[in-house]
Each structure stands twice: as C-alpha cells, then as structure tokens.
Amino acid sequence: MSVACLRVRAVCRAVNYGRYFSRTSAVNMSAKVGDSLPSVDLFENDPGTKVNTAEAFASGKHIIFGVPGAFTPGCSKTHLPGYIEDFSKLEAKGVKSANCVSVNDPFVMQAWGENQGAAGKVRMLADTCGAFTSQLGLDLPAVQHVLGNVRCKRFAMVVNDGKIEKLNVKPDGTGLTCSLSTSLCDEL
C-alpha cells in the first residue's frame, strides 16, 4: 500500500474517532445561512493536494455543491454538467469558483471531472471520509447499502467571504431540483 493511501486512511481514522467520541458531535449539527464554513481538508486530484475549506473559500463568492457520488446517473447526466455549462453565467454574477464535493476518493473525483470536461470550470473535491459533509449535517446514511458508505445529500450553497449566504438542500436525497445550477443562477 502506498504512503499516500496510508496517510488518507490515518486521516479517516482520526476524523471518525473525533466524530464518534468527541463531546460535541458534529453529526448532529446542521449548517444554516450565516454560519462559517468548517475548517476541513478536502482533496483535489490526489491525496497530496489538500484544499482547506476555511482557507479556500475565505474570500469572495463561491459555489459549493454536493452530490451522493461520482459517476452516479443523475449526478453525471444533469447535476455536474449543469454547473459546467452554466459556469460563465455564474462568473458573470460574481462567482469566483464552482466546486463539486462528494464522499469519494480524489482519484475517482479527478477521473469523473476529466470524463465530464470540468477542468477550468468546476473543481472536483473529494470528501474522503465524509468529514466536511458530516460537519455540515449533510450526510446521507440511508444509501449505505447501495453506495457503500455514508454519502452526501444533494445540496448547493453560496459561500461569501467564508460564510454560508445561501443553502439549498434536498432533505431526502432524492431529486435534483433545489441543487441544480439553474436554480442557483436564478437565485443569485
């Protein structure tokens, strides 16, 4: 096993330990408009390229949208392609970056981004252990039997200077409407 994989596993164990044994469990918290983004390391392209959420989104207006999984039908046919297609519209409304988050490994997210033509438009960010998703209260445990582990609810948020300005969440994890790029473009 490579050193990078061992590091990712160690981080996952530490996150899971903290999640289940800390005094204030982040699992029960739900993000809301006005909250600051949690400081969590996501991964872009490989386990060595960390993107800290508090630092990366501290300045300017950013879109972060979450999906249950890379290469899943709805996410591949509609969700991600919509943000890629609408990126220039989002940019025209002052958005600095569009970011796709999923509880997957960084290699899968990179491959999915390449497959969809996301380069230069949407950053593909892996929430390897679901720490970001969990701290926002956006985890979707009901799909474990289908997708293998806890996943992310479909959501779209506008983050402005590190704070959540708008948050659209699909509570039951089905359907796409509230987290589509067209919905968010109309609301900006």
C-alpha atoms as a PDB file:
ATOM      1  CA  MET A   1       0.000   0.000   0.000  1.00  0.00           C
ATOM      2  CA  SER A   2       1.368   3.412  -0.917  1.00  0.00           C
ATOM      3  CA  VAL A   3       2.342   6.038   1.632  1.00  0.00           C
ATOM      4  CA  ALA A   4      -0.382   8.342   0.285  1.00  0.00           C
ATOM      5  CA  CYS A   5      -3.062   5.691   0.880  1.00  0.00           C
ATOM      6  CA  LEU A   6      -1.774   5.084   4.394  1.00  0.00           C
ATOM      7  CA  ARG A   7      -1.947   8.815   5.098  1.00  0.00           C
ATOM      8  CA  VAL A   8      -5.532   9.031   3.826  1.00  0.00           C
ATOM      9  CA  ARG A   9      -6.509   6.044   5.996  1.00  0.00           C
ATOM     10  CA  ALA A  10      -4.871   7.629   9.047  1.00  0.00           C
ATOM     11  CA  VAL A  11      -6.779  10.868   8.447  1.00  0.00           C
ATOM     12  CA  CYS A  12     -10.036   8.931   8.050  1.00  0.00           C
ATOM     13  CA  ARG A  13      -9.459   7.060  11.312  1.00  0.00           C
ATOM     14  CA  ALA A  14      -8.689  10.311  13.136  1.00  0.00           C
ATOM     15  CA  VAL A  15     -11.779  12.011  11.717  1.00  0.00           C
ATOM     16  CA  ASN A  16     -14.005   9.059  12.564  1.00  0.00           C
ATOM     17  CA  TYR A  17     -12.565   8.818  16.079  1.00  0.00           C
ATOM     18  CA  GLY A  18     -13.248  12.505  16.651  1.00  0.00           C
ATOM     19  CA  ARG A  19     -16.697  12.264  15.144  1.00  0.00           C
ATOM     20  CA  TYR A  20     -17.879   9.458  17.402  1.00  0.00           C
ATOM     21  CA  PHE A  21     -16.027  10.201  20.624  1.00  0.00           C
ATOM     22  CA  SER A  22     -15.885  13.966  20.943  1.00  0.00           C
ATOM     23  CA  ARG A  23     -18.065  15.796  23.459  1.00  0.00           C
ATOM     24  CA  THR A  24     -19.899  17.813  20.833  1.00  0.00           C
ATOM     25  CA  SER A  25     -20.599  15.566  17.914  1.00  0.00           C
ATOM     26  CA  ALA A  26     -20.645  17.360  14.581  1.00  0.00           C
ATOM     27  CA  VAL A  27     -23.028  14.699  13.272  1.00  0.00           C
ATOM     28  CA  ASN A  28     -25.992  16.376  14.972  1.00  0.00           C
ATOM     29  CA  MET A  29     -25.213  19.855  13.719  1.00  0.00           C
ATOM     30  CA  SER A  30     -26.880  21.326  10.645  1.00  0.00           C
ATOM     31  CA  ALA A  31     -25.439  24.139   8.605  1.00  0.00           C
ATOM     32  CA  LYS A  32     -27.532  27.238   8.130  1.00  0.00           C
ATOM     33  CA  VAL A  33     -27.294  30.583   6.409  1.00  0.00           C
ATOM     34  CA  GLY A  34     -24.875  32.853   8.267  1.00  0.00           C
ATOM     35  CA  ASP A  35     -22.649  30.030   9.540  1.00  0.00           C
ATOM     36  CA  SER A  36     -18.929  29.990   8.813  1.00  0.00           C
ATOM     37  CA  LEU A  37     -17.700  27.048   6.787  1.00  0.00           C
ATOM     38  CA  PRO A  38     -15.996  24.401   8.904  1.00  0.00           C
ATOM     39  CA  SER A  39     -12.254  24.031   8.500  1.00  0.00           C
ATOM     40  CA  VAL A  40     -11.860  20.638   6.822  1.00  0.00           C
ATOM     41  CA  ASP A  41      -9.280  19.331   4.375  1.00  0.00           C
ATOM     42  CA  LEU A  42     -10.757  18.097   1.109  1.00  0.00           C
ATOM     43  CA  PHE A  43      -8.603  16.585  -1.627  1.00  0.00           C
ATOM     44  CA  GLU A  44      -8.227  17.607  -5.254  1.00  0.00           C
ATOM     45  CA  ASN A  45      -6.749  15.152  -7.790  1.00  0.00           C
ATOM     46  CA  ASP A  46      -4.688  13.124  -5.280  1.00  0.00           C
ATOM     47  CA  PRO A  47      -4.236  12.632  -1.522  1.00  0.00           C
ATOM     48  CA  GLY A  48      -1.292  15.044  -1.512  1.00  0.00           C
ATOM     49  CA  THR A  49      -3.313  18.036  -2.706  1.00  0.00           C
ATOM     50  CA  LYS A  50      -5.307  19.289   0.256  1.00  0.00           C
ATOM     51  CA  VAL A  51      -7.849  22.066  -0.036  1.00  0.00           C
ATOM     52  CA  ASN A  52      -8.777  23.513   3.343  1.00  0.00           C
ATOM     53  CA  THR A  53     -12.358  24.736   3.149  1.00  0.00           C
ATOM     54  CA  ALA A  54     -11.935  27.636   5.586  1.00  0.00           C
ATOM     55  CA  GLU A  55      -8.913  28.948   3.677  1.00  0.00           C
ATOM     56  CA  ALA A  56     -10.020  28.249   0.092  1.00  0.00           C
ATOM     57  CA  PHE A  57     -13.391  29.964   0.495  1.00  0.00           C
ATOM     58  CA  ALA A  58     -12.390  32.741   2.922  1.00  0.00           C
ATOM     59  CA  SER A  59     -12.546  35.497   0.330  1.00  0.00           C
ATOM     60  CA  GLY A  60     -15.036  36.169  -2.438  1.00  0.00           C
ATOM     61  CA  LYS A  61     -18.178  34.385  -3.599  1.00  0.00           C
ATOM     62  CA  HIS A  62     -18.021  30.628  -4.256  1.00  0.00           C
ATOM     63  CA  ILE A  63     -20.473  27.882  -5.125  1.00  0.00           C
ATOM     64  CA  ILE A  64     -20.149  24.526  -3.400  1.00  0.00           C
ATOM     65  CA  PHE A  65     -22.494  21.769  -4.457  1.00  0.00           C
ATOM     66  CA  GLY A  66     -22.635  18.265  -3.085  1.00  0.00           C
ATOM     67  CA  VAL A  67     -23.617  15.032  -4.751  1.00  0.00           C
ATOM     68  CA  PRO A  68     -24.114  11.474  -3.424  1.00  0.00           C
ATOM     69  CA  GLY A  69     -21.466  10.004  -5.692  1.00  0.00           C
ATOM     70  CA  ALA A  70     -19.236  10.421  -8.702  1.00  0.00           C
ATOM     71  CA  PHE A  71     -20.454   8.685 -11.851  1.00  0.00           C
ATOM     72  CA  THR A  72     -23.970   8.179 -10.441  1.00  0.00           C
ATOM     73  CA  PRO A  73     -26.654   8.625 -13.135  1.00  0.00           C
ATOM     74  CA  GLY A  74     -28.396  11.841 -12.010  1.00  0.00           C
ATOM     75  CA  CYS A  75     -25.151  13.495 -10.999  1.00  0.00           C
ATOM     76  CA  SER A  76     -23.435  12.589 -14.282  1.00  0.00           C
ATOM     77  CA  LYS A  77     -26.311  13.386 -16.629  1.00  0.00           C
ATOM     78  CA  THR A  78     -27.681  16.547 -15.035  1.00  0.00           C
ATOM     79  CA  HIS A  79     -26.071  17.845 -11.866  1.00  0.00           C
ATOM     80  CA  LEU A  80     -22.366  18.257 -12.715  1.00  0.00           C
ATOM     81  CA  PRO A  81     -22.909  19.026 -16.434  1.00  0.00           C
ATOM     82  CA  GLY A  82     -25.256  21.871 -15.468  1.00  0.00           C
ATOM     83  CA  TYR A  83     -22.591  23.608 -13.388  1.00  0.00           C
ATOM     84  CA  ILE A  84     -20.003  23.098 -16.117  1.00  0.00           C
ATOM     85  CA  GLU A  85     -22.370  24.519 -18.731  1.00  0.00           C
ATOM     86  CA  ASP A  86     -23.501  27.443 -16.548  1.00  0.00           C
ATOM     87  CA  PHE A  87     -20.077  28.419 -15.201  1.00  0.00           C
ATOM     88  CA  SER A  88     -19.850  31.556 -17.366  1.00  0.00           C
ATOM     89  CA  LYS A  89     -23.292  32.668 -16.089  1.00  0.00           C
ATOM     90  CA  LEU A  90     -22.146  32.126 -12.502  1.00  0.00           C
ATOM     91  CA  GLU A  91     -18.920  34.022 -13.179  1.00  0.00           C
ATOM     92  CA  ALA A  92     -20.933  36.915 -14.615  1.00  0.00           C
ATOM     93  CA  LYS A  93     -22.813  37.042 -11.295  1.00  0.00           C
ATOM     94  CA  GLY A  94     -19.553  37.422  -9.351  1.00  0.00           C
ATOM     95  CA  VAL A  95     -18.817  33.792  -8.505  1.00  0.00           C
ATOM     96  CA  LYS A  96     -15.068  33.079  -8.210  1.00  0.00           C
ATOM     97  CA  SER A  97     -15.305  29.281  -8.242  1.00  0.00           C
ATOM     98  CA  ALA A  98     -17.715  26.379  -8.568  1.00  0.00           C
ATOM     99  CA  ASN A  99     -16.825  23.313  -6.503  1.00  0.00           C
ATOM    100  CA  CYS A 100     -18.260  19.807  -6.565  1.00  0.00           C
ATOM    101  CA  VAL A 101     -17.962  17.809  -3.322  1.00  0.00           C
ATOM    102  CA  SER A 102     -18.631  14.106  -2.963  1.00  0.00           C
ATOM    103  CA  VAL A 103     -17.704  11.409  -0.466  1.00  0.00           C
ATOM    104  CA  ASN A 104     -15.333   9.657  -2.836  1.00  0.00           C
ATOM    105  CA  ASP A 105     -11.595   9.299  -3.146  1.00  0.00           C
ATOM    106  CA  PRO A 106      -9.669  12.017  -5.014  1.00  0.00           C
ATOM    107  CA  PHE A 107      -8.744   9.699  -7.896  1.00  0.00           C
ATOM    108  CA  VAL A 108     -12.402   8.946  -8.639  1.00  0.00           C
ATOM    109  CA  MET A 109     -13.300  12.635  -8.440  1.00  0.00           C
ATOM    110  CA  GLN A 110     -10.445  13.519 -10.802  1.00  0.00           C
ATOM    111  CA  ALA A 111     -11.499  10.833 -13.299  1.00  0.00           C
ATOM    112  CA  TRP A 112     -15.126  11.977 -13.131  1.00  0.00           C
ATOM    113  CA  GLY A 113     -14.101  15.586 -13.725  1.00  0.00           C
ATOM    114  CA  GLU A 114     -11.990  14.568 -16.728  1.00  0.00           C
ATOM    115  CA  ASN A 115     -14.857  12.454 -18.078  1.00  0.00           C
ATOM    116  CA  GLN A 116     -17.267  15.398 -17.777  1.00  0.00           C
ATOM    117  CA  GLY A 117     -14.921  18.157 -19.016  1.00  0.00           C
ATOM    118  CA  ALA A 118     -14.901  20.035 -15.699  1.00  0.00           C
ATOM    119  CA  ALA A 119     -11.328  21.392 -15.949  1.00  0.00           C
ATOM    120  CA  GLY A 120     -11.196  25.167 -15.612  1.00  0.00           C
ATOM    121  CA  LYS A 121     -14.857  25.371 -14.643  1.00  0.00           C
ATOM    122  CA  VAL A 122     -15.648  23.131 -11.680  1.00  0.00           C
ATOM    123  CA  ARG A 123     -13.182  21.963  -9.038  1.00  0.00           C
ATOM    124  CA  MET A 124     -13.665  18.324  -8.107  1.00  0.00           C
ATOM    125  CA  LEU A 125     -13.162  17.972  -4.354  1.00  0.00           C
ATOM    126  CA  ALA A 126     -13.100  14.641  -2.536  1.00  0.00           C
ATOM    127  CA  ASP A 127     -14.505  14.494   0.980  1.00  0.00           C
ATOM    128  CA  THR A 128     -12.740  11.175   1.501  1.00  0.00           C
ATOM    129  CA  CYS A 129     -14.193  10.274   4.909  1.00  0.00           C
ATOM    130  CA  GLY A 130     -17.275  12.480   4.845  1.00  0.00           C
ATOM    131  CA  ALA A 131     -15.864  14.904   7.438  1.00  0.00           C
ATOM    132  CA  PHE A 132     -16.980  18.073   5.601  1.00  0.00           C
ATOM    133  CA  THR A 133     -20.364  16.560   4.793  1.00  0.00           C
ATOM    134  CA  SER A 134     -20.859  15.422   8.378  1.00  0.00           C
ATOM    135  CA  GLN A 135     -19.795  18.721   9.954  1.00  0.00           C
ATOM    136  CA  LEU A 136     -22.364  20.492   7.789  1.00  0.00           C
ATOM    137  CA  GLY A 137     -25.022  17.959   8.822  1.00  0.00           C
ATOM    138  CA  LEU A 138     -25.473  16.973   5.180  1.00  0.00           C
ATOM    139  CA  ASP A 139     -24.616  13.291   5.385  1.00  0.00           C
ATOM    140  CA  LEU A 140     -26.975  10.773   3.828  1.00  0.00           C
ATOM    141  CA  PRO A 141     -26.614   7.451   5.675  1.00  0.00           C
ATOM    142  CA  ALA A 142     -29.665   5.874   4.041  1.00  0.00           C
ATOM    143  CA  VAL A 143     -27.743   4.961   0.875  1.00  0.00           C
ATOM    144  CA  GLN A 144     -25.027   2.869   2.562  1.00  0.00           C
ATOM    145  CA  HIS A 145     -26.479  -0.369   1.230  1.00  0.00           C
ATOM    146  CA  VAL A 146     -26.331   0.984  -2.346  1.00  0.00           C
ATOM    147  CA  LEU A 147     -23.233   3.221  -2.484  1.00  0.00           C
ATOM    148  CA  GLY A 148     -21.095   1.510   0.149  1.00  0.00           C
ATOM    149  CA  ASN A 149     -20.822   4.144   2.866  1.00  0.00           C
ATOM    150  CA  VAL A 150     -22.354   7.339   4.178  1.00  0.00           C
ATOM    151  CA  ARG A 151     -22.721   9.817   1.330  1.00  0.00           C
ATOM    152  CA  CYS A 152     -23.555  13.460   0.844  1.00  0.00           C
ATOM    153  CA  LYS A 153     -27.060  14.844   0.414  1.00  0.00           C
ATOM    154  CA  ARG A 154     -27.594  16.844  -2.732  1.00  0.00           C
ATOM    155  CA  PHE A 155     -27.057  20.467  -1.836  1.00  0.00           C
ATOM    156  CA  ALA A 156     -25.919  23.754  -3.307  1.00  0.00           C
ATOM    157  CA  MET A 157     -24.567  26.654  -1.317  1.00  0.00           C
ATOM    158  CA  VAL A 158     -23.262  30.109  -1.958  1.00  0.00           C
ATOM    159  CA  VAL A 159     -20.332  30.949   0.295  1.00  0.00           C
ATOM    160  CA  ASN A 160     -19.362  34.608   0.546  1.00  0.00           C
ATOM    161  CA  ASP A 161     -16.196  35.528   2.444  1.00  0.00           C
ATOM    162  CA  GLY A 162     -16.231  32.212   4.317  1.00  0.00           C
ATOM    163  CA  LYS A 163     -19.879  32.378   5.407  1.00  0.00           C
ATOM    164  CA  ILE A 164     -22.851  30.473   4.036  1.00  0.00           C
ATOM    165  CA  GLU A 165     -25.005  33.020   2.223  1.00  0.00           C
ATOM    166  CA  LYS A 166     -27.491  30.618   0.616  1.00  0.00           C
ATOM    167  CA  LEU A 167     -28.099  26.916   1.216  1.00  0.00           C
ATOM    168  CA  ASN A 168     -30.421  24.670  -0.758  1.00  0.00           C
ATOM    169  CA  VAL A 169     -30.666  21.078   0.487  1.00  0.00           C
ATOM    170  CA  LYS A 170     -32.573  18.089  -0.795  1.00  0.00           C
ATOM    171  CA  PRO A 171     -33.526  16.621   2.624  1.00  0.00           C
ATOM    172  CA  ASP A 172     -34.405  13.113   1.482  1.00  0.00           C
ATOM    173  CA  GLY A 173     -31.538  12.913  -1.018  1.00  0.00           C
ATOM    174  CA  THR A 174     -33.809  12.233  -3.991  1.00  0.00           C
ATOM    175  CA  GLY A 175     -34.416  14.518  -6.932  1.00  0.00           C
ATOM    176  CA  LEU A 176     -32.221  17.312  -8.172  1.00  0.00           C
ATOM    177  CA  THR A 177     -34.275  20.488  -8.410  1.00  0.00           C
ATOM    178  CA  CYS A 178     -33.131  22.554  -5.432  1.00  0.00           C
ATOM    179  CA  SER A 179     -29.428  21.976  -6.034  1.00  0.00           C
ATOM    180  CA  LEU A 180     -29.257  22.416  -9.810  1.00  0.00           C
ATOM    181  CA  SER A 181     -27.143  25.192 -11.294  1.00  0.00           C
ATOM    182  CA  THR A 182     -30.189  26.718 -12.997  1.00  0.00           C
ATOM    183  CA  SER A 183     -31.951  27.101  -9.630  1.00  0.00           C
ATOM    184  CA  LEU A 184     -28.887  28.718  -8.091  1.00  0.00           C
ATOM    185  CA  CYS A 185     -28.305  31.013 -11.092  1.00  0.00           C
ATOM    186  CA  ASP A 186     -31.874  32.272 -10.792  1.00  0.00           C
ATOM    187  CA  GLU A 187     -31.393  32.987  -7.072  1.00  0.00           C
ATOM    188  CA  LEU A 188     -28.120  34.920  -7.413  1.00  0.00           C
END
